[in-house]
Amino acid sequence: MDMGLQDKVAIITGGSEGIGKAAALSMAKEGARVVIVARRQDVLDRAAQEIKTATEGEVLPIAADVTDRDAANRVIQAALDSYGRVDILVNNAGTSMAKDFESVSDDDWEGDFDLKVWGAVRFIRTVLPHMRKVGGGRIINVTNLGGRTPGPSSMPTSISRAAGIAITKGLSKDLAKDNILVSTVCIGLVKSGQHERRYESRKESEPGLTEDAFYDQLAQGRSVPLGRVAEAEEAGDVIAFLASERASYLTGIAVNIDGGASAVL
């Protein structure tokens, strides 16, 4: 299937590992030129080399912290300087912070919203004029299931992710006239750098714990009907599809990538 991504330019925040890297890889396989953004240059460089080796595609790694107010301007200008256009934005930067309400400090609230909400808002606001110049574009916001069905001790992440889902729906109506389509993927259990670091931490006290056993325990603990944790590539392929010309009539939607775990559609 021709995805219509040849020579499109995609900016992916949180693109050095996990879902972001998988989305970049999937798009690069389809001929897109990808700009991956994260804070650690060494991890970015390794990810860029892996994608180039696997696809022979063009990859531009840019170290930036999306909580920096100037990050969006700097990243998007670098993409324009290198490739002359921007067609796709994937707002994937974020980490999970889940506490009970009374344990969440003002700094926790502000930091979480600065990373997941304001970071996305600034990138979207900065990229829109450039998408209009090329006749349209795609914006995919990576959120999670908690934004739709918050559970106990899920703040502030469930609230910031709910904001991301609401931004998606509102923007889809504002930007449809410009042929800029906006969607979100609500992530359940997907293999990521965060999970890998948790596994390594547990191995220190449980040296016999295998990675497969760790992920099996996660799936059982979250009651995933499919009985397993998703590979990052499975989420990356869905994001690439939403960015593609094959998804040209999809906007304002939320797609659960959760193995059937969510209580809602």
Foldseek 3Di string as FASTA:
>chain_A
DQQALAAAEEEFEVQLKFLNLLLVLLSLQNHYAYEYEEADPVSQVVSQVVSCVVRVGHYHYDHDQLLPLCRLVVSVVVSCVVRNAHAEYELDDADFDFFAPVVQDPCNLVVRCSRQPVSLVSNCVVRVVRQLVVQEHEYEYEAALLCVPPDGRRPDRNVSSVVVLVCQQVVQVVCVVSLYAGEYEHEAFEDIPVLVVVVVVVCVVVVPDDPQNSQQVVCVVLVQVVRGGHYSNVSSNVVNSSRGPVVSPDHSYYHYPGNPSHPDD
